[in-house]
Amino acid sequence: MSALPETAASADKKMNKHKSRRRVARELVLQGLYQWKIAGGTADFIEQQLCESDKFKYADTKYFSHVLHGVLQDVEALGKHIQPSLDRSIDELSPVEMAILLLSTFELIHHPEIPYRAIINEAIELARTYGGSDGYKYVNGVLDKLAVQLRAIEIKAHKLANNRT
């Protein structure tokens, strides 16, 4: 007896089962920022479109909305934080790398409750999944530099804790 084929809904649920609600929210924010970079649009319009996605039901919707709106409100200030760590103009980055760096920089600044290493790891995973072949290495290097500036106290505490062991 053969197994019944999976329905699209059960396959979708299975795919997202291993991802946290926060990870799915970050993926949607990335999608929204990519859309904003390519086609423009307001945060409200982009959010409304993404809410219609099947993936949305698996997301931390409050976090998604907070980050999408926050990044788009602070895009210039976030860019000023990012630019000194780049080897080119922020506008020359791929839309995916730019979106990941904006998202991650926002989290580094506005979410001290999330460890900086978790933010960087999430960014690397997003870049591996959605970016170019070596984009994750670039994202990692930029965020390592940014974390030293934006999370200096946390990094110092982490180094002290590791030196004691």
N, C-alpha and C. Protein backbone atom coordinates (compact mmCIF):
# COMPACT_ATOMS: atom_id res chain seq x y z
N MET A 1 0.85 -1.18 0.00
CA MET A 1 0.00 0.00 0.00
C MET A 1 0.89 1.24 0.00
N SER A 2 0.68 2.14 -0.92
CA SER A 2 1.52 3.34 -1.00
C SER A 2 0.94 4.44 -0.12
N ALA A 3 1.85 5.34 0.26
CA ALA A 3 1.42 6.46 1.10
C ALA A 3 0.66 7.46 0.25
N LEU A 4 -0.27 8.12 0.86
CA LEU A 4 -1.03 9.16 0.17
C LEU A 4 -0.12 10.35 -0.07
N PRO A 5 -0.26 11.01 -1.20
CA PRO A 5 0.56 12.20 -1.44
C PRO A 5 0.19 13.32 -0.46
N GLU A 6 1.20 14.08 -0.10
CA GLU A 6 0.95 15.19 0.82
C GLU A 6 0.18 16.30 0.11
N THR A 7 -0.69 16.93 0.82
CA THR A 7 -1.36 18.10 0.27
C THR A 7 -0.40 19.27 0.39
N ALA A 8 -0.64 20.32 -0.35
CA ALA A 8 0.23 21.49 -0.29
C ALA A 8 0.24 22.07 1.12
N ALA A 9 -0.91 22.05 1.78
CA ALA A 9 -1.00 22.61 3.13
C ALA A 9 -0.16 21.79 4.11
N SER A 10 -0.22 20.46 4.03
CA SER A 10 0.55 19.65 4.97
C SER A 10 2.04 19.74 4.67
N ALA A 11 2.40 19.86 3.40
CA ALA A 11 3.82 20.02 3.04
C ALA A 11 4.33 21.36 3.56
N ASP A 12 3.50 22.41 3.42
CA ASP A 12 3.87 23.73 3.90
C ASP A 12 4.06 23.73 5.41
N LYS A 13 3.13 23.07 6.10
CA LYS A 13 3.21 22.99 7.56
C LYS A 13 4.47 22.23 7.98
N LYS A 14 4.77 21.15 7.29
CA LYS A 14 5.96 20.36 7.60
C LYS A 14 7.22 21.19 7.39
N MET A 15 7.27 21.94 6.28
CA MET A 15 8.42 22.76 5.97
C MET A 15 8.67 23.80 7.05
N ASN A 16 7.62 24.42 7.54
CA ASN A 16 7.76 25.48 8.52
C ASN A 16 7.81 24.97 9.95
N LYS A 17 7.57 23.69 10.16
CA LYS A 17 7.53 23.13 11.50
C LYS A 17 8.87 23.29 12.22
N HIS A 18 9.96 23.12 11.50
CA HIS A 18 11.27 23.21 12.12
C HIS A 18 11.74 24.65 12.30
N LYS A 19 11.06 25.60 11.72
CA LYS A 19 11.44 27.00 11.84
C LYS A 19 10.66 27.65 12.98
N SER A 20 11.35 28.49 13.72
CA SER A 20 10.67 29.22 14.78
C SER A 20 9.78 30.30 14.16
N ARG A 21 8.82 30.74 14.93
CA ARG A 21 7.93 31.81 14.46
C ARG A 21 8.72 33.08 14.18
N ARG A 22 9.76 33.29 14.97
CA ARG A 22 10.61 34.47 14.78
C ARG A 22 11.40 34.35 13.47
N ARG A 23 11.89 33.14 13.15
CA ARG A 23 12.63 32.94 11.90
C ARG A 23 11.72 33.21 10.70
N VAL A 24 10.50 32.72 10.75
CA VAL A 24 9.55 32.97 9.65
C VAL A 24 9.26 34.46 9.55
N ALA A 25 9.15 35.14 10.67
CA ALA A 25 8.94 36.60 10.66
C ALA A 25 10.11 37.30 9.97
N ARG A 26 11.33 36.87 10.29
CA ARG A 26 12.51 37.48 9.65
C ARG A 26 12.50 37.22 8.14
N GLU A 27 12.11 36.03 7.73
CA GLU A 27 12.04 35.73 6.30
C GLU A 27 11.03 36.64 5.60
N LEU A 28 9.91 36.88 6.25
CA LEU A 28 8.91 37.77 5.68
C LEU A 28 9.39 39.22 5.66
N VAL A 29 10.09 39.64 6.72
CA VAL A 29 10.66 40.99 6.71
C VAL A 29 11.65 41.12 5.56
N LEU A 30 12.49 40.11 5.39
CA LEU A 30 13.44 40.11 4.28
C LEU A 30 12.71 40.25 2.95
N GLN A 31 11.66 39.49 2.78
CA GLN A 31 10.86 39.56 1.56
C GLN A 31 10.28 40.96 1.37
N GLY A 32 9.77 41.53 2.46
CA GLY A 32 9.21 42.87 2.38
C GLY A 32 10.24 43.93 2.06
N LEU A 33 11.42 43.83 2.66
CA LEU A 33 12.47 44.81 2.39
C LEU A 33 12.99 44.67 0.96
N TYR A 34 13.07 43.44 0.49
CA TYR A 34 13.45 43.21 -0.90
C TYR A 34 12.44 43.87 -1.83
N GLN A 35 11.16 43.66 -1.55
CA GLN A 35 10.10 44.27 -2.35
C GLN A 35 10.22 45.78 -2.33
N TRP A 36 10.46 46.34 -1.14
CA TRP A 36 10.60 47.79 -1.00
C TRP A 36 11.77 48.31 -1.84
N LYS A 37 12.89 47.60 -1.79
CA LYS A 37 14.08 48.02 -2.55
C LYS A 37 13.84 47.96 -4.05
N ILE A 38 13.16 46.92 -4.51
CA ILE A 38 12.95 46.73 -5.95
C ILE A 38 11.80 47.58 -6.49
N ALA A 39 10.67 47.59 -5.78
CA ALA A 39 9.46 48.21 -6.33
C ALA A 39 8.95 49.40 -5.54
N GLY A 40 9.52 49.63 -4.35
CA GLY A 40 9.02 50.71 -3.52
C GLY A 40 7.76 50.30 -2.78
N GLY A 41 7.07 51.25 -2.24
CA GLY A 41 5.84 50.98 -1.49
C GLY A 41 6.01 51.32 -0.03
N THR A 42 4.89 51.50 0.62
CA THR A 42 4.89 51.84 2.05
C THR A 42 4.95 50.56 2.89
N ALA A 43 5.33 50.72 4.13
CA ALA A 43 5.37 49.59 5.05
C ALA A 43 3.98 48.98 5.20
N ASP A 44 2.95 49.82 5.27
CA ASP A 44 1.59 49.30 5.41
C ASP A 44 1.17 48.47 4.19
N PHE A 45 1.49 48.97 3.00
CA PHE A 45 1.14 48.25 1.78
C PHE A 45 1.88 46.91 1.70
N ILE A 46 3.16 46.93 1.98
CA ILE A 46 3.97 45.70 1.94
C ILE A 46 3.47 44.71 2.99
N GLU A 47 3.19 45.21 4.19
CA GLU A 47 2.68 44.33 5.25
C GLU A 47 1.36 43.69 4.83
N GLN A 48 0.48 44.48 4.26
CA GLN A 48 -0.82 43.95 3.83
C GLN A 48 -0.63 42.83 2.81
N GLN A 49 0.26 43.02 1.86
CA GLN A 49 0.52 41.98 0.86
C GLN A 49 1.09 40.72 1.50
N LEU A 50 2.04 40.87 2.40
CA LEU A 50 2.68 39.71 3.01
C LEU A 50 1.75 38.98 3.97
N CYS A 51 0.79 39.70 4.53
CA CYS A 51 -0.20 39.05 5.41
C CYS A 51 -1.03 38.03 4.64
N GLU A 52 -1.13 38.19 3.35
CA GLU A 52 -1.89 37.26 2.52
C GLU A 52 -1.12 35.99 2.16
N SER A 53 0.17 35.98 2.49
CA SER A 53 1.01 34.82 2.19
C SER A 53 0.62 33.64 3.09
N ASP A 54 0.69 32.44 2.55
CA ASP A 54 0.42 31.23 3.35
C ASP A 54 1.41 31.11 4.51
N LYS A 55 2.59 31.61 4.30
CA LYS A 55 3.66 31.53 5.30
C LYS A 55 3.35 32.39 6.53
N PHE A 56 2.53 33.42 6.35
CA PHE A 56 2.29 34.39 7.41
C PHE A 56 1.72 33.76 8.68
N LYS A 57 0.91 32.73 8.53
CA LYS A 57 0.30 32.10 9.70
C LYS A 57 1.33 31.42 10.60
N TYR A 58 2.54 31.21 10.09
CA TYR A 58 3.60 30.57 10.88
C TYR A 58 4.55 31.58 11.52
N ALA A 59 4.30 32.86 11.28
CA ALA A 59 5.20 33.92 11.72
C ALA A 59 4.78 34.51 13.07
N ASP A 60 5.75 35.08 13.76
CA ASP A 60 5.49 35.92 14.91
C ASP A 60 5.05 37.26 14.32
N THR A 61 3.75 37.44 14.21
CA THR A 61 3.21 38.56 13.45
C THR A 61 3.51 39.92 14.08
N LYS A 62 3.52 39.98 15.40
CA LYS A 62 3.83 41.26 16.06
C LYS A 62 5.28 41.64 15.80
N TYR A 63 6.17 40.66 15.89
CA TYR A 63 7.58 40.93 15.64
C TYR A 63 7.80 41.35 14.19
N PHE A 64 7.15 40.64 13.28
CA PHE A 64 7.24 40.96 11.86
C PHE A 64 6.85 42.42 11.62
N SER A 65 5.70 42.82 12.12
CA SER A 65 5.20 44.16 11.89
C SER A 65 6.13 45.21 12.51
N HIS A 66 6.56 44.95 13.74
CA HIS A 66 7.46 45.87 14.44
C HIS A 66 8.75 46.07 13.66
N VAL A 67 9.36 44.99 13.21
CA VAL A 67 10.65 45.10 12.52
C VAL A 67 10.49 45.71 11.13
N LEU A 68 9.50 45.26 10.37
CA LEU A 68 9.31 45.83 9.03
C LEU A 68 9.09 47.34 9.11
N HIS A 69 8.18 47.76 9.96
CA HIS A 69 7.91 49.20 10.08
C HIS A 69 9.12 49.94 10.65
N GLY A 70 9.78 49.35 11.64
CA GLY A 70 10.95 49.99 12.25
C GLY A 70 12.09 50.19 11.27
N VAL A 71 12.38 49.17 10.49
CA VAL A 71 13.46 49.28 9.50
C VAL A 71 13.12 50.35 8.48
N LEU A 72 11.92 50.32 7.95
CA LEU A 72 11.57 51.29 6.91
C LEU A 72 11.49 52.72 7.45
N GLN A 73 11.17 52.89 8.72
CA GLN A 73 11.18 54.23 9.32
C GLN A 73 12.61 54.72 9.55
N ASP A 74 13.53 53.80 9.87
CA ASP A 74 14.90 54.16 10.23
C ASP A 74 15.92 53.84 9.15
N VAL A 75 15.49 53.63 7.92
CA VAL A 75 16.40 53.13 6.88
C VAL A 75 17.63 54.03 6.71
N GLU A 76 17.47 55.33 6.76
CA GLU A 76 18.63 56.23 6.59
C GLU A 76 19.60 56.09 7.75
N ALA A 77 19.09 56.11 8.97
CA ALA A 77 19.96 55.98 10.15
C ALA A 77 20.65 54.61 10.17
N LEU A 78 19.93 53.57 9.81
CA LEU A 78 20.52 52.23 9.77
C LEU A 78 21.63 52.18 8.72
N GLY A 79 21.38 52.80 7.58
CA GLY A 79 22.39 52.86 6.53
C GLY A 79 23.65 53.56 6.99
N LYS A 80 23.50 54.61 7.80
CA LYS A 80 24.67 55.33 8.32
C LYS A 80 25.48 54.46 9.27
N HIS A 81 24.83 53.57 10.00
CA HIS A 81 25.55 52.63 10.86
C HIS A 81 26.29 51.59 10.02
N ILE A 82 25.64 51.13 8.97
CA ILE A 82 26.18 50.04 8.15
C ILE A 82 27.33 50.51 7.26
N GLN A 83 27.20 51.67 6.65
CA GLN A 83 28.13 52.13 5.61
C GLN A 83 29.61 52.05 5.99
N PRO A 84 30.02 52.47 7.19
CA PRO A 84 31.46 52.40 7.51
C PRO A 84 32.04 50.98 7.52
N SER A 85 31.20 49.97 7.63
CA SER A 85 31.67 48.59 7.65
C SER A 85 31.67 47.95 6.26
N LEU A 86 31.27 48.70 5.25
CA LEU A 86 31.19 48.18 3.89
C LEU A 86 32.43 48.56 3.07
N ASP A 87 32.69 47.78 2.03
CA ASP A 87 33.78 48.07 1.11
C ASP A 87 33.27 48.76 -0.16
N ARG A 88 32.00 49.12 -0.16
CA ARG A 88 31.36 49.79 -1.29
C ARG A 88 30.16 50.56 -0.76
N SER A 89 29.51 51.29 -1.62
CA SER A 89 28.31 52.01 -1.23
C SER A 89 27.20 51.02 -0.89
N ILE A 90 26.40 51.36 0.08
CA ILE A 90 25.28 50.49 0.47
C ILE A 90 24.35 50.26 -0.72
N ASP A 91 24.23 51.24 -1.61
CA ASP A 91 23.36 51.10 -2.78
C ASP A 91 23.90 50.10 -3.80
N GLU A 92 25.18 49.74 -3.68
CA GLU A 92 25.78 48.77 -4.60
C GLU A 92 25.62 47.33 -4.12
N LEU A 93 25.10 47.15 -2.92
CA LEU A 93 24.87 45.80 -2.41
C LEU A 93 23.71 45.16 -3.17
N SER A 94 23.69 43.84 -3.18
CA SER A 94 22.52 43.16 -3.75
C SER A 94 21.32 43.51 -2.87
N PRO A 95 20.13 43.52 -3.42
CA PRO A 95 18.95 43.83 -2.59
C PRO A 95 18.79 42.87 -1.41
N VAL A 96 19.18 41.61 -1.58
CA VAL A 96 19.06 40.64 -0.49
C VAL A 96 20.05 40.97 0.62
N GLU A 97 21.30 41.21 0.27
CA GLU A 97 22.30 41.55 1.30
C GLU A 97 21.93 42.84 2.01
N MET A 98 21.48 43.83 1.25
CA MET A 98 21.08 45.10 1.87
C MET A 98 19.94 44.87 2.85
N ALA A 99 18.94 44.11 2.45
CA ALA A 99 17.79 43.85 3.32
C ALA A 99 18.21 43.11 4.58
N ILE A 100 19.08 42.13 4.45
CA ILE A 100 19.54 41.37 5.62
C ILE A 100 20.33 42.27 6.56
N LEU A 101 21.18 43.12 6.02
CA LEU A 101 21.96 44.02 6.87
C LEU A 101 21.07 45.05 7.55
N LEU A 102 20.07 45.57 6.87
CA LEU A 102 19.15 46.52 7.50
C LEU A 102 18.38 45.84 8.64
N LEU A 103 17.84 44.67 8.36
CA LEU A 103 17.10 43.90 9.36
C LEU A 103 17.97 43.61 10.58
N SER A 104 19.16 43.10 10.35
CA SER A 104 20.05 42.70 11.45
C SER A 104 20.56 43.90 12.25
N THR A 105 20.85 44.99 11.57
CA THR A 105 21.30 46.19 12.27
C THR A 105 20.18 46.73 13.14
N PHE A 106 18.97 46.72 12.62
CA PHE A 106 17.81 47.13 13.43
C PHE A 106 17.73 46.28 14.70
N GLU A 107 17.88 44.96 14.54
CA GLU A 107 17.81 44.07 15.71
C GLU A 107 18.96 44.34 16.68
N LEU A 108 20.16 44.56 16.17
CA LEU A 108 21.29 44.86 17.05
C LEU A 108 21.04 46.12 17.88
N ILE A 109 20.44 47.11 17.26
CA ILE A 109 20.20 48.38 17.95
C ILE A 109 18.98 48.31 18.87
N HIS A 110 17.89 47.77 18.39
CA HIS A 110 16.61 47.89 19.09
C HIS A 110 16.19 46.64 19.89
N HIS A 111 16.96 45.59 19.82
CA HIS A 111 16.59 44.36 20.53
C HIS A 111 17.76 43.79 21.33
N PRO A 112 18.16 44.51 22.39
CA PRO A 112 19.29 44.03 23.20
C PRO A 112 18.99 42.70 23.91
N GLU A 113 17.71 42.33 23.99
CA GLU A 113 17.35 41.06 24.62
C GLU A 113 17.72 39.86 23.74
N ILE A 114 17.99 40.11 22.46
CA ILE A 114 18.42 39.04 21.55
C ILE A 114 19.95 39.07 21.52
N PRO A 115 20.60 37.99 21.88
CA PRO A 115 22.08 37.99 21.86
C PRO A 115 22.61 38.32 20.45
N TYR A 116 23.68 39.10 20.41
CA TYR A 116 24.23 39.53 19.12
C TYR A 116 24.62 38.33 18.27
N ARG A 117 25.10 37.27 18.89
CA ARG A 117 25.50 36.09 18.12
C ARG A 117 24.30 35.42 17.47
N ALA A 118 23.14 35.45 18.13
CA ALA A 118 21.92 34.90 17.54
C ALA A 118 21.49 35.72 16.33
N ILE A 119 21.60 37.04 16.44
CA ILE A 119 21.24 37.92 15.32
C ILE A 119 22.14 37.64 14.12
N ILE A 120 23.44 37.53 14.38
CA ILE A 120 24.38 37.26 13.29
C ILE A 120 24.12 35.89 12.67
N ASN A 121 23.88 34.89 13.50
CA ASN A 121 23.60 33.55 12.98
C ASN A 121 22.34 33.52 12.12
N GLU A 122 21.30 34.21 12.57
CA GLU A 122 20.07 34.28 11.78
C GLU A 122 20.33 34.97 10.43
N ALA A 123 21.13 36.04 10.46
CA ALA A 123 21.45 36.75 9.22
C ALA A 123 22.22 35.85 8.26
N ILE A 124 23.16 35.09 8.79
CA ILE A 124 23.93 34.17 7.96
C ILE A 124 23.01 33.13 7.31
N GLU A 125 22.09 32.60 8.09
CA GLU A 125 21.15 31.61 7.54
C GLU A 125 20.26 32.22 6.46
N LEU A 126 19.80 33.43 6.67
CA LEU A 126 19.00 34.11 5.64
C LEU A 126 19.83 34.31 4.38
N ALA A 127 21.08 34.73 4.54
CA ALA A 127 21.94 34.97 3.39
C ALA A 127 22.26 33.66 2.65
N ARG A 128 22.46 32.59 3.39
CA ARG A 128 22.71 31.29 2.74
C ARG A 128 21.50 30.83 1.95
N THR A 129 20.34 31.05 2.51
CA THR A 129 19.11 30.59 1.87
C THR A 129 18.69 31.46 0.70
N TYR A 130 18.78 32.77 0.85
CA TYR A 130 18.21 33.68 -0.14
C TYR A 130 19.23 34.49 -0.93
N GLY A 131 20.46 34.55 -0.46
CA GLY A 131 21.46 35.39 -1.10
C GLY A 131 22.30 34.67 -2.13
N GLY A 132 23.30 35.38 -2.62
CA GLY A 132 24.24 34.81 -3.57
C GLY A 132 25.12 33.77 -2.91
N SER A 133 25.94 33.10 -3.70
CA SER A 133 26.71 31.95 -3.20
C SER A 133 27.62 32.28 -2.02
N ASP A 134 28.29 33.42 -2.03
CA ASP A 134 29.17 33.78 -0.92
C ASP A 134 28.67 34.99 -0.15
N GLY A 135 27.42 35.38 -0.38
CA GLY A 135 26.85 36.54 0.29
C GLY A 135 26.86 36.41 1.80
N TYR A 136 26.69 35.19 2.29
CA TYR A 136 26.66 34.98 3.74
C TYR A 136 27.99 35.35 4.38
N LYS A 137 29.10 35.16 3.67
CA LYS A 137 30.42 35.52 4.22
C LYS A 137 30.53 37.03 4.35
N TYR A 138 30.04 37.73 3.36
CA TYR A 138 30.07 39.19 3.39
C TYR A 138 29.20 39.72 4.52
N VAL A 139 27.98 39.20 4.62
CA VAL A 139 27.05 39.60 5.68
C VAL A 139 27.68 39.34 7.05
N ASN A 140 28.30 38.19 7.22
CA ASN A 140 28.94 37.85 8.49
C ASN A 140 30.04 38.86 8.84
N GLY A 141 30.89 39.17 7.87
CA GLY A 141 31.98 40.12 8.12
C GLY A 141 31.48 41.51 8.50
N VAL A 142 30.47 41.98 7.80
CA VAL A 142 29.91 43.31 8.10
C VAL A 142 29.28 43.31 9.49
N LEU A 143 28.49 42.30 9.80
CA LEU A 143 27.81 42.26 11.09
C LEU A 143 28.78 42.05 12.25
N ASP A 144 29.86 41.34 12.03
CA ASP A 144 30.89 41.22 13.08
C ASP A 144 31.44 42.59 13.43
N LYS A 145 31.71 43.41 12.42
CA LYS A 145 32.21 44.77 12.66
C LYS A 145 31.16 45.63 13.36
N LEU A 146 29.93 45.53 12.90
CA LEU A 146 28.85 46.32 13.50
C LEU A 146 28.59 45.93 14.95
N ALA A 147 28.64 44.65 15.22
CA ALA A 147 28.38 44.18 16.59
C ALA A 147 29.40 44.76 17.56
N VAL A 148 30.65 44.86 17.14
CA VAL A 148 31.69 45.44 18.00
C VAL A 148 31.33 46.87 18.38
N GLN A 149 30.74 47.60 17.46
CA GLN A 149 30.34 48.98 17.73
C GLN A 149 29.04 49.06 18.52
N LEU A 150 28.05 48.27 18.10
CA LEU A 150 26.71 48.41 18.65
C LEU A 150 26.47 47.59 19.91
N ARG A 151 27.28 46.57 20.13
CA ARG A 151 27.09 45.68 21.29
C ARG A 151 28.40 45.48 22.04
N ALA A 152 29.18 46.55 22.17
CA ALA A 152 30.50 46.46 22.77
C ALA A 152 30.47 45.86 24.18
N ILE A 153 29.53 46.27 24.99
CA ILE A 153 29.46 45.77 26.37
C ILE A 153 29.14 44.28 26.38
N GLU A 154 28.20 43.86 25.56
CA GLU A 154 27.84 42.44 25.48
C GLU A 154 29.02 41.59 24.99
N ILE A 155 29.74 42.09 23.99
CA ILE A 155 30.89 41.36 23.46
C ILE A 155 31.99 41.26 24.51
N LYS A 156 32.23 42.34 25.22
CA LYS A 156 33.25 42.33 26.27
C LYS A 156 32.87 41.33 27.36
N ALA A 157 31.62 41.32 27.78
CA ALA A 157 31.16 40.37 28.80
C ALA A 157 31.29 38.93 28.31
N HIS A 158 30.99 38.71 27.04
CA HIS A 158 31.10 37.37 26.45
C HIS A 158 32.57 36.91 26.45
N LYS A 159 33.47 37.80 26.09
CA LYS A 159 34.91 37.46 26.07
C LYS A 159 35.42 37.19 27.48
N LEU A 160 34.97 37.99 28.45
CA LEU A 160 35.39 37.77 29.82
C LEU A 160 34.90 36.41 30.34
N ALA A 161 33.68 36.09 30.02
CA ALA A 161 33.12 34.80 30.45
C ALA A 161 33.87 33.63 29.82
N ASN A 162 34.25 33.76 28.56
CA ASN A 162 35.00 32.70 27.89
C ASN A 162 36.42 32.58 28.40
N ASN A 163 37.01 33.69 28.84
CA ASN A 163 38.37 33.64 29.37
C ASN A 163 38.43 32.99 30.74
N ARG A 164 37.32 32.97 31.46
CA ARG A 164 37.28 32.36 32.79
C ARG A 164 37.20 30.84 32.71
N THR A 165 36.77 30.34 31.57
CA THR A 165 36.63 28.88 31.45
C THR A 165 37.85 28.23 30.87
